[in-house]
Protein backbone atom coordinates (compact mmCIF):
# COMPACT_ATOMS: atom_id res chain seq x y z
CA MET A 1 37.04 91.09 76.80
CA LYS A 2 40.40 92.80 77.40
CA LYS A 3 40.74 93.56 73.66
CA MET A 4 37.26 95.14 73.61
CA THR A 5 37.97 97.27 76.70
CA LEU A 6 41.28 98.42 75.27
CA LEU A 7 39.65 99.34 71.94
CA VAL A 8 36.89 101.35 73.65
CA PHE A 9 39.47 103.07 75.85
CA LEU A 10 41.58 104.00 72.82
CA LEU A 11 38.56 105.44 71.03
CA PHE A 12 37.57 107.59 74.02
CA ALA A 13 41.17 108.56 74.75
CA ASP A 14 41.48 109.78 71.18
CA LEU A 15 38.35 111.90 71.61
CA LEU A 16 39.42 113.25 75.02
CA TYR A 17 43.04 114.01 74.21
CA SER A 18 42.97 114.79 70.50
CA GLN A 19 44.20 118.15 69.33
CA THR A 20 43.06 119.97 66.24
CA TYR A 21 45.69 121.96 64.42
CA HIS A 22 44.73 124.88 62.20
CA LEU A 23 46.44 126.65 59.35
CA ASN A 24 45.85 130.41 59.51
CA VAL A 25 45.87 132.07 56.10
CA TRP A 26 46.10 135.86 55.85
CA SER A 27 44.69 137.43 52.71
CA ASN A 28 43.75 141.06 52.13
CA GLY A 29 43.78 141.87 55.83
CA SER A 30 41.56 139.00 57.01
CA VAL A 31 42.43 135.63 58.53
CA THR A 32 40.91 132.28 57.59
CA SER A 33 41.50 129.34 59.93
CA ILE A 34 41.42 125.89 58.30
CA PRO A 35 41.65 122.61 60.26
CA VAL A 36 44.77 120.76 59.07
CA GLN A 37 42.94 117.43 58.76
CA ASP A 38 40.64 119.07 56.15
CA ILE A 39 43.52 120.15 53.90
CA GLN A 40 44.04 117.96 50.87
CA LYS A 41 46.27 120.18 48.74
CA LEU A 42 48.08 123.51 49.18
CA THR A 43 48.88 125.76 46.24
CA PHE A 44 50.66 129.06 46.85
CA VAL A 45 50.37 131.76 44.20
CA ASN A 46 51.81 135.30 44.34
CA VAL A 47 53.26 134.98 47.84
CA SER A 48 54.84 138.32 48.70
CA ASN A 49 56.04 137.70 52.25
CA THR A 50 55.99 135.19 55.08
CA ILE A 51 55.97 135.41 58.86
CA GLU A 52 58.19 132.96 60.69
CA GLY A 53 58.90 133.21 64.39
CA GLY A 54 57.30 136.65 64.51
CA GLU A 55 59.58 138.03 61.76
CA GLU A 56 58.19 139.04 58.40
CA THR A 57 60.30 137.99 55.42
CA THR A 58 59.87 139.10 51.82
CA VAL A 59 59.67 136.23 49.35
CA ILE A 60 61.61 136.85 46.14
CA GLN A 61 60.20 134.81 43.30
CA ALA A 62 62.46 135.75 40.39
CA PHE A 63 65.60 137.63 39.43
CA LYS A 64 64.78 141.33 39.07
CA LEU A 65 66.85 144.38 38.16
CA LEU A 66 65.60 147.70 39.54
CA GLN A 67 66.25 151.19 38.17
CA ASN A 68 69.33 152.83 39.61
CA TYR A 69 68.87 155.81 41.91
CA PRO A 70 69.34 158.68 41.76
CA ASN A 71 69.04 158.90 38.01
CA PRO A 72 70.42 161.19 36.61
CA PHE A 73 73.27 161.10 39.11
CA ASN A 74 76.40 162.94 40.21
CA PRO A 75 78.73 161.88 41.80
CA SER A 76 77.37 158.37 42.55
CA THR A 77 74.38 156.08 42.06
CA THR A 78 73.08 152.79 43.47
CA ILE A 79 72.18 149.73 41.41
CA GLU A 80 69.67 147.37 43.07
CA TYR A 81 68.66 143.83 42.17
CA GLU A 82 66.81 140.88 43.69
CA ILE A 83 67.77 137.21 43.44
CA PRO A 84 65.52 134.25 44.34
CA VAL A 85 68.32 131.82 45.31
CA GLU A 86 71.99 132.00 46.21
CA GLY A 87 74.42 132.53 43.38
CA LYS A 88 76.94 134.65 41.55
CA VAL A 89 75.95 138.07 40.20
CA ARG A 90 77.92 140.07 37.63
CA ILE A 91 77.30 143.77 37.08
CA GLN A 92 78.86 145.46 34.08
CA ILE A 93 78.68 149.12 33.10
CA PHE A 94 79.06 150.01 29.42
CA SER A 95 79.26 153.24 27.45
CA LEU A 96 76.71 153.65 24.65
CA ASN A 97 79.32 152.54 22.11
CA GLY A 98 79.72 149.20 23.95
CA GLN A 99 82.99 149.87 25.77
CA LEU A 100 83.20 148.13 29.17
CA ILE A 101 83.66 150.85 31.80
CA LYS A 102 83.48 148.94 35.11
CA SER A 103 82.66 145.43 36.31
CA PHE A 104 81.54 144.11 39.71
CA GLU A 105 81.18 140.48 40.76
CA ASN A 106 79.39 139.37 43.90
CA THR A 107 78.65 135.92 45.27
CA HIS A 108 75.61 135.83 47.54
CA THR A 109 74.96 132.98 49.94
CA SER A 110 71.22 133.58 50.16
CA ALA A 111 68.25 134.93 48.25
CA GLY A 112 67.52 138.59 48.84
CA ASP A 113 67.69 142.12 47.60
CA TYR A 114 71.11 143.68 47.15
CA SER A 115 72.60 146.99 46.09
CA VAL A 116 75.91 148.07 44.59
CA PRO A 117 77.09 151.68 44.64
CA TRP A 118 78.92 153.09 41.61
CA ASP A 119 80.98 156.24 42.00
CA GLY A 120 81.03 157.19 38.30
CA LYS A 121 84.61 155.97 37.84
CA ASP A 122 86.03 153.46 35.39
CA THR A 123 88.29 150.50 36.17
CA ALA A 124 91.36 152.80 36.17
CA GLY A 125 89.76 155.09 38.77
CA GLN A 126 89.10 157.95 36.34
CA THR A 127 85.76 159.79 36.46
CA VAL A 128 83.75 159.03 33.31
CA ALA A 129 82.37 161.67 30.96
CA SER A 130 78.82 162.96 31.24
CA GLY A 131 76.35 160.91 29.27
CA PHE A 132 74.23 157.78 29.13
CA TYR A 133 75.54 154.43 30.34
CA ILE A 134 74.08 150.93 30.29
CA TYR A 135 74.31 148.68 33.31
CA ARG A 136 73.85 144.97 32.75
CA VAL A 137 73.28 142.45 35.54
CA SER A 138 73.74 138.71 34.96
CA PHE A 139 72.48 136.04 37.34
CA ALA A 140 72.25 132.30 36.61
CA ASN A 141 70.81 132.14 33.07
CA SER A 142 69.25 135.61 33.21
CA VAL A 143 70.50 138.97 32.00
CA ALA A 144 68.82 142.35 32.44
CA ALA A 145 69.96 145.84 31.46
CA LYS A 146 68.89 149.44 32.08
CA LYS A 147 70.04 152.97 31.16
CA MET A 148 71.40 155.61 33.51
CA LEU A 149 72.54 159.18 33.02
CA PHE A 150 75.70 160.66 34.55
CA LEU A 151 75.77 164.49 34.69
CA LYS A 152 78.78 166.57 35.70
């Protein structure tokens, strides 16, 4: 009899004190609330940002090199890139004939978007000539390059 009473008590206690947790999913400005016990599989596609502890964080999915700005530039420009994980980034600036003008190396301890200013000077500190330059950014096994124009 004690086993039966305990079993009935546990069943009712579970009903009285159970909590239902929900996963709130925001999409296109509306919220859908899904009971956690109903979730069998989660697949996230094209996640652009997350909210954790009230702070919104942008999710970077892949290495990306952005166009420098301003372009054309004088006297300086900014090169921006995004990395999905921590790692070493190498930025190299070349003349159109392939001569290495300047090189930057940065080690980042977290994923994120970063920028590097370039003052239009070569490794020796001399201002480069007006013209087109190629900047190449290497990260992990990826390399991307873009053109920029320096005008005096």
